[in-house]
Amino acid sequence: MTTEVRASHILVATEDEANRLREEIINGKDFAAIAAEYSQCPSGSAGGDLGFFGKGMMVKPFEDAAFELEVGEISKPVQTQFGWHLIVVTDKK
């Protein structure tokens, strides 16, 4: 059973922007480079890396999406009170 995931994310203001960036990543652009350029979260400077986290450490919609993803899978846009996120899980333990 997965108790923690390591994830990176990109935080933007609109669902349209999140969808556009997701398409760029799916078509070969580097997730970390997109995060550094576009993310409104301070983690963007680290390629969006949030490190490992367990249940109860992130807002619920973000946590739910992160724990459902397979390693390497990019989420569809996820809305929280902070904006719209693209999430990629990089490890599980």
PDB file of N, CA and C in Angstrom:
ATOM      1  N   MET A   1       0.836  -1.193   0.000  1.00  0.00           N
ATOM      2  CA  MET A   1       0.000   0.000   0.000  1.00  0.00           C
ATOM      3  C   MET A   1       0.879   1.254   0.000  1.00  0.00           C
ATOM      4  N   THR A   2       0.524   2.189  -0.843  1.00  0.00           N
ATOM      5  CA  THR A   2       1.279   3.435  -0.923  1.00  0.00           C
ATOM      6  C   THR A   2       0.947   4.312   0.274  1.00  0.00           C
ATOM      7  N   THR A   3       1.974   4.720   1.006  1.00  0.00           N
ATOM      8  CA  THR A   3       1.748   5.613   2.133  1.00  0.00           C
ATOM      9  C   THR A   3       2.235   7.022   1.844  1.00  0.00           C
ATOM     10  N   GLU A   4       3.162   7.154   0.878  1.00  0.00           N
ATOM     11  CA  GLU A   4       3.648   8.467   0.482  1.00  0.00           C
ATOM     12  C   GLU A   4       3.887   8.489  -1.018  1.00  0.00           C
ATOM     13  N   VAL A   5       3.717   9.658  -1.595  1.00  0.00           N
ATOM     14  CA  VAL A   5       4.070   9.863  -2.996  1.00  0.00           C
ATOM     15  C   VAL A   5       5.020  11.048  -3.083  1.00  0.00           C
ATOM     16  N   ARG A   6       5.860  11.013  -4.095  1.00  0.00           N
ATOM     17  CA  ARG A   6       6.671  12.184  -4.418  1.00  0.00           C
ATOM     18  C   ARG A   6       6.094  12.748  -5.701  1.00  0.00           C
ATOM     19  N   ALA A   7       5.773  14.015  -5.664  1.00  0.00           N
ATOM     20  CA  ALA A   7       5.120  14.624  -6.818  1.00  0.00           C
ATOM     21  C   ALA A   7       5.724  15.977  -7.138  1.00  0.00           C
ATOM     22  N   SER A   8       5.568  16.341  -8.392  1.00  0.00           N
ATOM     23  CA  SER A   8       5.874  17.686  -8.859  1.00  0.00           C
ATOM     24  C   SER A   8       4.584  18.258  -9.419  1.00  0.00           C
ATOM     25  N   HIS A   9       4.487  19.583  -9.399  1.00  0.00           N
ATOM     26  CA  HIS A   9       3.263  20.179  -9.940  1.00  0.00           C
ATOM     27  C   HIS A   9       3.570  21.516 -10.597  1.00  0.00           C
ATOM     28  N   ILE A  10       2.609  21.929 -11.389  1.00  0.00           N
ATOM     29  CA  ILE A  10       2.617  23.247 -12.017  1.00  0.00           C
ATOM     30  C   ILE A  10       1.313  23.906 -11.605  1.00  0.00           C
ATOM     31  N   LEU A  11       1.398  25.096 -11.055  1.00  0.00           N
ATOM     32  CA  LEU A  11       0.224  25.840 -10.608  1.00  0.00           C
ATOM     33  C   LEU A  11       0.014  27.043 -11.514  1.00  0.00           C
ATOM     34  N   VAL A  12      -1.183  27.112 -12.113  1.00  0.00           N
ATOM     35  CA  VAL A  12      -1.541  28.235 -12.985  1.00  0.00           C
ATOM     36  C   VAL A  12      -2.938  28.740 -12.618  1.00  0.00           C
ATOM     37  N   ALA A  13      -3.313  29.863 -13.205  1.00  0.00           N
ATOM     38  CA  ALA A  13      -4.559  30.529 -12.817  1.00  0.00           C
ATOM     39  C   ALA A  13      -5.807  29.949 -13.468  1.00  0.00           C
ATOM     40  N   THR A  14      -5.673  29.385 -14.667  1.00  0.00           N
ATOM     41  CA  THR A  14      -6.878  28.960 -15.390  1.00  0.00           C
ATOM     42  C   THR A  14      -6.777  27.513 -15.868  1.00  0.00           C
ATOM     43  N   GLU A  15      -7.932  26.898 -16.034  1.00  0.00           N
ATOM     44  CA  GLU A  15      -7.996  25.540 -16.566  1.00  0.00           C
ATOM     45  C   GLU A  15      -7.477  25.502 -18.007  1.00  0.00           C
ATOM     46  N   ASP A  16      -7.785  26.534 -18.785  1.00  0.00           N
ATOM     47  CA  ASP A  16      -7.316  26.582 -20.173  1.00  0.00           C
ATOM     48  C   ASP A  16      -5.795  26.566 -20.243  1.00  0.00           C
ATOM     49  N   GLU A  17      -5.145  27.345 -19.377  1.00  0.00           N
ATOM     50  CA  GLU A  17      -3.687  27.370 -19.368  1.00  0.00           C
ATOM     51  C   GLU A  17      -3.135  26.007 -18.945  1.00  0.00           C
ATOM     52  N   ALA A  18      -3.757  25.403 -17.949  1.00  0.00           N
ATOM     53  CA  ALA A  18      -3.317  24.077 -17.499  1.00  0.00           C
ATOM     54  C   ALA A  18      -3.447  23.062 -18.639  1.00  0.00           C
ATOM     55  N   ASN A  19      -4.550  23.087 -19.357  1.00  0.00           N
ATOM     56  CA  ASN A  19      -4.741  22.164 -20.486  1.00  0.00           C
ATOM     57  C   ASN A  19      -3.710  22.394 -21.582  1.00  0.00           C
ATOM     58  N   ARG A  20      -3.411  23.658 -21.866  1.00  0.00           N
ATOM     59  CA  ARG A  20      -2.423  23.983 -22.901  1.00  0.00           C
ATOM     60  C   ARG A  20      -1.037  23.461 -22.508  1.00  0.00           C
ATOM     61  N   LEU A  21      -0.654  23.682 -21.251  1.00  0.00           N
ATOM     62  CA  LEU A  21       0.651  23.214 -20.785  1.00  0.00           C
ATOM     63  C   LEU A  21       0.711  21.687 -20.750  1.00  0.00           C
ATOM     64  N   ARG A  22      -0.393  21.044 -20.377  1.00  0.00           N
ATOM     65  CA  ARG A  22      -0.440  19.578 -20.353  1.00  0.00           C
ATOM     66  C   ARG A  22      -0.187  19.026 -21.752  1.00  0.00           C
ATOM     67  N   GLU A  23      -0.803  19.644 -22.757  1.00  0.00           N
ATOM     68  CA  GLU A  23      -0.598  19.211 -24.144  1.00  0.00           C
ATOM     69  C   GLU A  23       0.866  19.363 -24.543  1.00  0.00           C
ATOM     70  N   GLU A  24       1.491  20.470 -24.147  1.00  0.00           N
ATOM     71  CA  GLU A  24       2.905  20.680 -24.475  1.00  0.00           C
ATOM     72  C   GLU A  24       3.766  19.584 -23.853  1.00  0.00           C
ATOM     73  N   ILE A  25       3.474  19.209 -22.610  1.00  0.00           N
ATOM     74  CA  ILE A  25       4.238  18.165 -21.923  1.00  0.00           C
ATOM     75  C   ILE A  25       4.006  16.813 -22.593  1.00  0.00           C
ATOM     76  N   ILE A  26       2.755  16.497 -22.895  1.00  0.00           N
ATOM     77  CA  ILE A  26       2.440  15.231 -23.569  1.00  0.00           C
ATOM     78  C   ILE A  26       3.155  15.150 -24.916  1.00  0.00           C
ATOM     79  N   ASN A  27       3.310  16.299 -25.567  1.00  0.00           N
ATOM     80  CA  ASN A  27       3.967  16.330 -26.874  1.00  0.00           C
ATOM     81  C   ASN A  27       5.482  16.467 -26.780  1.00  0.00           C
ATOM     82  N   GLY A  28       6.041  16.266 -25.573  1.00  0.00           N
ATOM     83  CA  GLY A  28       7.492  16.165 -25.475  1.00  0.00           C
ATOM     84  C   GLY A  28       8.222  17.236 -24.692  1.00  0.00           C
ATOM     85  N   LYS A  29       7.552  18.308 -24.291  1.00  0.00           N
ATOM     86  CA  LYS A  29       8.251  19.330 -23.506  1.00  0.00           C
ATOM     87  C   LYS A  29       8.514  18.808 -22.100  1.00  0.00           C
ATOM     88  N   ASP A  30       9.580  19.289 -21.494  1.00  0.00           N
ATOM     89  CA  ASP A  30      10.008  18.839 -20.176  1.00  0.00           C
ATOM     90  C   ASP A  30       9.131  19.441 -19.072  1.00  0.00           C
ATOM     91  N   PHE A  31       8.577  18.576 -18.216  1.00  0.00           N
ATOM     92  CA  PHE A  31       7.696  19.022 -17.132  1.00  0.00           C
ATOM     93  C   PHE A  31       8.403  20.051 -16.251  1.00  0.00           C
ATOM     94  N   ALA A  32       9.638  19.751 -15.835  1.00  0.00           N
ATOM     95  CA  ALA A  32      10.365  20.649 -14.928  1.00  0.00           C
ATOM     96  C   ALA A  32      10.625  22.009 -15.571  1.00  0.00           C
ATOM     97  N   ALA A  33      10.939  22.020 -16.866  1.00  0.00           N
ATOM     98  CA  ALA A  33      11.186  23.285 -17.557  1.00  0.00           C
ATOM     99  C   ALA A  33       9.905  24.107 -17.650  1.00  0.00           C
ATOM    100  N   ILE A  34       8.782  23.445 -17.920  1.00  0.00           N
ATOM    101  CA  ILE A  34       7.493  24.146 -17.968  1.00  0.00           C
ATOM    102  C   ILE A  34       7.156  24.691 -16.575  1.00  0.00           C
ATOM    103  N   ALA A  35       7.401  23.892 -15.539  1.00  0.00           N
ATOM    104  CA  ALA A  35       7.143  24.343 -14.166  1.00  0.00           C
ATOM    105  C   ALA A  35       7.968  25.580 -13.841  1.00  0.00           C
ATOM    106  N   ALA A  36       9.256  25.554 -14.191  1.00  0.00           N
ATOM    107  CA  ALA A  36      10.128  26.685 -13.895  1.00  0.00           C
ATOM    108  C   ALA A  36       9.664  27.959 -14.600  1.00  0.00           C
ATOM    109  N   GLU A  37       9.131  27.794 -15.799  1.00  0.00           N
ATOM    110  CA  GLU A  37       8.714  28.967 -16.578  1.00  0.00           C
ATOM    111  C   GLU A  37       7.332  29.484 -16.211  1.00  0.00           C
ATOM    112  N   TYR A  38       6.379  28.583 -15.920  1.00  0.00           N
ATOM    113  CA  TYR A  38       4.986  28.994 -15.796  1.00  0.00           C
ATOM    114  C   TYR A  38       4.367  28.878 -14.405  1.00  0.00           C
ATOM    115  N   SER A  39       4.899  28.021 -13.545  1.00  0.00           N
ATOM    116  CA  SER A  39       4.222  27.772 -12.273  1.00  0.00           C
ATOM    117  C   SER A  39       4.219  29.004 -11.381  1.00  0.00           C
ATOM    118  N   GLN A  40       3.079  29.242 -10.750  1.00  0.00           N
ATOM    119  CA  GLN A  40       2.933  30.354  -9.819  1.00  0.00           C
ATOM    120  C   GLN A  40       3.303  29.954  -8.392  1.00  0.00           C
ATOM    121  N   CYS A  41       3.725  28.715  -8.209  1.00  0.00           N
ATOM    122  CA  CYS A  41       4.138  28.213  -6.907  1.00  0.00           C
ATOM    123  C   CYS A  41       5.649  28.381  -6.767  1.00  0.00           C
ATOM    124  N   PRO A  42       6.137  28.714  -5.570  1.00  0.00           N
ATOM    125  CA  PRO A  42       7.589  28.811  -5.381  1.00  0.00           C
ATOM    126  C   PRO A  42       8.337  27.530  -5.754  1.00  0.00           C
ATOM    127  N   SER A  43       7.653  26.381  -5.724  1.00  0.00           N
ATOM    128  CA  SER A  43       8.302  25.117  -6.107  1.00  0.00           C
ATOM    129  C   SER A  43       8.683  25.091  -7.587  1.00  0.00           C
ATOM    130  N   GLY A  44       8.146  26.001  -8.371  1.00  0.00           N
ATOM    131  CA  GLY A  44       8.460  26.042  -9.795  1.00  0.00           C
ATOM    132  C   GLY A  44       9.950  26.156 -10.050  1.00  0.00           C
ATOM    133  N   SER A  45      10.660  26.902  -9.195  1.00  0.00           N
ATOM    134  CA  SER A  45      12.104  27.068  -9.385  1.00  0.00           C
ATOM    135  C   SER A  45      12.855  25.753  -9.196  1.00  0.00           C
ATOM    136  N   ALA A  46      12.210  24.776  -8.540  1.00  0.00           N
ATOM    137  CA  ALA A  46      12.789  23.437  -8.370  1.00  0.00           C
ATOM    138  C   ALA A  46      12.133  22.447  -9.323  1.00  0.00           C
ATOM    139  N   GLY A  47      11.604  22.942 -10.432  1.00  0.00           N
ATOM    140  CA  GLY A  47      10.942  22.067 -11.397  1.00  0.00           C
ATOM    141  C   GLY A  47       9.594  21.565 -10.916  1.00  0.00           C
ATOM    142  N   GLY A  48       9.052  22.227  -9.894  1.00  0.00           N
ATOM    143  CA  GLY A  48       7.748  21.852  -9.360  1.00  0.00           C
ATOM    144  C   GLY A  48       7.801  20.769  -8.292  1.00  0.00           C
ATOM    145  N   ASP A  49       8.999  20.292  -7.938  1.00  0.00           N
ATOM    146  CA  ASP A  49       9.137  19.179  -6.996  1.00  0.00           C
ATOM    147  C   ASP A  49       8.645  19.558  -5.603  1.00  0.00           C
ATOM    148  N   LEU A  50       7.736  18.754  -5.082  1.00  0.00           N
ATOM    149  CA  LEU A  50       7.198  18.955  -3.727  1.00  0.00           C
ATOM    150  C   LEU A  50       7.768  17.952  -2.732  1.00  0.00           C
ATOM    151  N   GLY A  51       8.597  17.042  -3.197  1.00  0.00           N
ATOM    152  CA  GLY A  51       9.138  16.012  -2.320  1.00  0.00           C
ATOM    153  C   GLY A  51       8.072  14.975  -1.986  1.00  0.00           C
ATOM    154  N   PHE A  52       8.373  14.135  -0.992  1.00  0.00           N
ATOM    155  CA  PHE A  52       7.424  13.110  -0.551  1.00  0.00           C
ATOM    156  C   PHE A  52       6.406  13.720   0.397  1.00  0.00           C
ATOM    157  N   PHE A  53       5.162  13.252   0.307  1.00  0.00           N
ATOM    158  CA  PHE A  53       4.131  13.651   1.265  1.00  0.00           C
ATOM    159  C   PHE A  53       3.148  12.513   1.446  1.00  0.00           C
ATOM    160  N   GLY A  54       2.559  12.489   2.619  1.00  0.00           N
ATOM    161  CA  GLY A  54       1.569  11.474   2.939  1.00  0.00           C
ATOM    162  C   GLY A  54       0.172  12.057   2.921  1.00  0.00           C
ATOM    163  N   LYS A  55      -0.787  11.198   3.212  1.00  0.00           N
ATOM    164  CA  LYS A  55      -2.190  11.640   3.263  1.00  0.00           C
ATOM    165  C   LYS A  55      -2.351  12.675   4.378  1.00  0.00           C
ATOM    166  N   GLY A  56      -3.186  13.668   4.103  1.00  0.00           N
ATOM    167  CA  GLY A  56      -3.466  14.713   5.075  1.00  0.00           C
ATOM    168  C   GLY A  56      -2.500  15.878   5.040  1.00  0.00           C
ATOM    169  N   MET A  57      -1.523  15.849   4.129  1.00  0.00           N
ATOM    170  CA  MET A  57      -0.529  16.928   4.071  1.00  0.00           C
ATOM    171  C   MET A  57      -0.820  17.967   2.989  1.00  0.00           C
ATOM    172  N   MET A  58      -1.676  17.615   2.039  1.00  0.00           N
ATOM    173  CA  MET A  58      -2.031  18.524   0.945  1.00  0.00           C
ATOM    174  C   MET A  58      -3.548  18.727   0.951  1.00  0.00           C
ATOM    175  N   VAL A  59      -3.998  19.770   0.261  1.00  0.00           N
ATOM    176  CA  VAL A  59      -5.446  19.974   0.156  1.00  0.00           C
ATOM    177  C   VAL A  59      -6.055  18.759  -0.542  1.00  0.00           C
ATOM    178  N   LYS A  60      -7.273  18.426  -0.170  1.00  0.00           N
ATOM    179  CA  LYS A  60      -7.895  17.155  -0.568  1.00  0.00           C
ATOM    180  C   LYS A  60      -7.929  16.907  -2.079  1.00  0.00           C
ATOM    181  N   PRO A  61      -8.378  17.854  -2.924  1.00  0.00           N
ATOM    182  CA  PRO A  61      -8.423  17.543  -4.364  1.00  0.00           C
ATOM    183  C   PRO A  61      -7.031  17.217  -4.921  1.00  0.00           C
ATOM    184  N   PHE A  62      -6.020  17.926  -4.443  1.00  0.00           N
ATOM    185  CA  PHE A  62      -4.650  17.685  -4.890  1.00  0.00           C
ATOM    186  C   PHE A  62      -4.180  16.311  -4.420  1.00  0.00           C
ATOM    187  N   GLU A  63      -4.384  16.036  -3.149  1.00  0.00           N
ATOM    188  CA  GLU A  63      -3.982  14.749  -2.569  1.00  0.00           C
ATOM    189  C   GLU A  63      -4.668  13.587  -3.280  1.00  0.00           C
ATOM    190  N   ASP A  64      -5.971  13.690  -3.463  1.00  0.00           N
ATOM    191  CA  ASP A  64      -6.718  12.611  -4.125  1.00  0.00           C
ATOM    192  C   ASP A  64      -6.136  12.320  -5.501  1.00  0.00           C
ATOM    193  N   ALA A  65      -5.878  13.369  -6.281  1.00  0.00           N
ATOM    194  CA  ALA A  65      -5.341  13.179  -7.623  1.00  0.00           C
ATOM    195  C   ALA A  65      -3.947  12.562  -7.567  1.00  0.00           C
ATOM    196  N   ALA A  66      -3.103  13.054  -6.687  1.00  0.00           N
ATOM    197  CA  ALA A  66      -1.726  12.559  -6.611  1.00  0.00           C
ATOM    198  C   ALA A  66      -1.685  11.081  -6.243  1.00  0.00           C
ATOM    199  N   PHE A  67      -2.510  10.663  -5.301  1.00  0.00           N
ATOM    200  CA  PHE A  67      -2.485   9.270  -4.866  1.00  0.00           C
ATOM    201  C   PHE A  67      -3.129   8.321  -5.885  1.00  0.00           C
ATOM    202  N   GLU A  68      -3.898   8.855  -6.831  1.00  0.00           N
ATOM    203  CA  GLU A  68      -4.504   8.018  -7.871  1.00  0.00           C
ATOM    204  C   GLU A  68      -3.584   7.822  -9.075  1.00  0.00           C
ATOM    205  N   LEU A  69      -2.597   8.691  -9.250  1.00  0.00           N
ATOM    206  CA  LEU A  69      -1.726   8.629 -10.422  1.00  0.00           C
ATOM    207  C   LEU A  69      -0.704   7.507 -10.304  1.00  0.00           C
ATOM    208  N   GLU A  70      -0.325   6.977 -11.461  1.00  0.00           N
ATOM    209  CA  GLU A  70       0.810   6.059 -11.533  1.00  0.00           C
ATOM    210  C   GLU A  70       2.076   6.901 -11.672  1.00  0.00           C
ATOM    211  N   VAL A  71       3.212   6.332 -11.317  1.00  0.00           N
ATOM    212  CA  VAL A  71       4.482   7.042 -11.467  1.00  0.00           C
ATOM    213  C   VAL A  71       4.670   7.414 -12.940  1.00  0.00           C
ATOM    214  N   GLY A  72       4.969   8.680 -13.181  1.00  0.00           N
ATOM    215  CA  GLY A  72       5.190   9.175 -14.533  1.00  0.00           C
ATOM    216  C   GLY A  72       3.950   9.687 -15.236  1.00  0.00           C
ATOM    217  N   GLU A  73       2.785   9.432 -14.684  1.00  0.00           N
ATOM    218  CA  GLU A  73       1.525   9.868 -15.299  1.00  0.00           C
ATOM    219  C   GLU A  73       1.264  11.335 -14.962  1.00  0.00           C
ATOM    220  N   ILE A  74       0.780  12.089 -15.931  1.00  0.00           N
ATOM    221  CA  ILE A  74       0.462  13.505 -15.742  1.00  0.00           C
ATOM    222  C   ILE A  74      -1.043  13.645 -15.562  1.00  0.00           C
ATOM    223  N   SER A  75      -1.432  14.326 -14.502  1.00  0.00           N
ATOM    224  CA  SER A  75      -2.863  14.493 -14.217  1.00  0.00           C
ATOM    225  C   SER A  75      -3.520  15.406 -15.230  1.00  0.00           C
ATOM    226  N   LYS A  76      -4.831  15.276 -15.325  1.00  0.00           N
ATOM    227  CA  LYS A  76      -5.634  16.310 -15.961  1.00  0.00           C
ATOM    228  C   LYS A  76      -5.621  17.483 -14.981  1.00  0.00           C
ATOM    229  N   PRO A  77      -6.017  18.683 -15.392  1.00  0.00           N
ATOM    230  CA  PRO A  77      -6.017  19.811 -14.466  1.00  0.00           C
ATOM    231  C   PRO A  77      -6.869  19.530 -13.215  1.00  0.00           C
ATOM    232  N   VAL A  78      -6.315  19.887 -12.069  1.00  0.00           N
ATOM    233  CA  VAL A  78      -6.965  19.696 -10.772  1.00  0.00           C
ATOM    234  C   VAL A  78      -7.149  21.066 -10.143  1.00  0.00           C
ATOM    235  N   GLN A  79      -8.392  21.394  -9.782  1.00  0.00           N
ATOM    236  CA  GLN A  79      -8.668  22.693  -9.198  1.00  0.00           C
ATOM    237  C   GLN A  79      -8.636  22.622  -7.678  1.00  0.00           C
ATOM    238  N   THR A  80      -7.922  23.599  -7.070  1.00  0.00           N
ATOM    239  CA  THR A  80      -7.955  23.799  -5.615  1.00  0.00           C
ATOM    240  C   THR A  80      -8.189  25.289  -5.376  1.00  0.00           C
ATOM    241  N   GLN A  81      -8.219  25.681  -4.121  1.00  0.00           N
ATOM    242  CA  GLN A  81      -8.402  27.101  -3.817  1.00  0.00           C
ATOM    243  C   GLN A  81      -7.206  27.940  -4.273  1.00  0.00           C
ATOM    244  N   PHE A  82      -6.086  27.293  -4.635  1.00  0.00           N
ATOM    245  CA  PHE A  82      -4.889  28.008  -5.066  1.00  0.00           C
ATOM    246  C   PHE A  82      -4.861  28.263  -6.568  1.00  0.00           C
ATOM    247  N   GLY A  83      -5.645  27.499  -7.316  1.00  0.00           N
ATOM    248  CA  GLY A  83      -5.660  27.618  -8.770  1.00  0.00           C
ATOM    249  C   GLY A  83      -5.775  26.234  -9.393  1.00  0.00           C
ATOM    250  N   TRP A  84      -5.182  26.090 -10.570  1.00  0.00           N
ATOM    251  CA  TRP A  84      -5.240  24.837 -11.333  1.00  0.00           C
ATOM    252  C   TRP A  84      -3.859  24.189 -11.356  1.00  0.00           C
ATOM    253  N   HIS A  85      -3.810  22.917 -11.043  1.00  0.00           N
ATOM    254  CA  HIS A  85      -2.557  22.172 -10.952  1.00  0.00           C
ATOM    255  C   HIS A  85      -2.470  21.095 -12.023  1.00  0.00           C
ATOM    256  N   LEU A  86      -1.253  20.902 -12.525  1.00  0.00           N
ATOM    257  CA  LEU A  86      -0.894  19.683 -13.238  1.00  0.00           C
ATOM    258  C   LEU A  86       0.045  18.955 -12.297  1.00  0.00           C
ATOM    259  N   ILE A  87      -0.179  17.679 -12.116  1.00  0.00           N
ATOM    260  CA  ILE A  87       0.600  16.900 -11.152  1.00  0.00           C
ATOM    261  C   ILE A  87       1.235  15.718 -11.874  1.00  0.00           C
ATOM    262  N   VAL A  88       2.470  15.438 -11.544  1.00  0.00           N
ATOM    263  CA  VAL A  88       3.132  14.216 -12.004  1.00  0.00           C
ATOM    264  C   VAL A  88       3.745  13.553 -10.766  1.00  0.00           C
ATOM    265  N   VAL A  89       3.454  12.274 -10.592  1.00  0.00           N
ATOM    266  CA  VAL A  89       4.032  11.510  -9.489  1.00  0.00           C
ATOM    267  C   VAL A  89       5.355  10.933  -9.972  1.00  0.00           C
ATOM    268  N   THR A  90       6.412  11.179  -9.202  1.00  0.00           N
ATOM    269  CA  THR A  90       7.743  10.726  -9.606  1.00  0.00           C
ATOM    270  C   THR A  90       8.219   9.521  -8.799  1.00  0.00           C
ATOM    271  N   ASP A  91       7.554   9.210  -7.676  1.00  0.00           N
ATOM    272  CA  ASP A  91       7.928   8.048  -6.872  1.00  0.00           C
ATOM    273  C   ASP A  91       6.815   7.748  -5.890  1.00  0.00           C
ATOM    274  N   LYS A  92       6.793   6.511  -5.415  1.00  0.00           N
ATOM    275  CA  LYS A  92       5.834   6.093  -4.390  1.00  0.00           C
ATOM    276  C   LYS A  92       6.564   5.213  -3.388  1.00  0.00           C
ATOM    277  N   LYS A  93       6.130   5.281  -2.135  1.00  0.00           N
ATOM    278  CA  LYS A  93       6.670   4.348  -1.140  1.00  0.00           C
ATOM    279  C   LYS A  93       5.636   4.053  -0.080  1.00  0.00           C
TER     280      LYS A  93
END
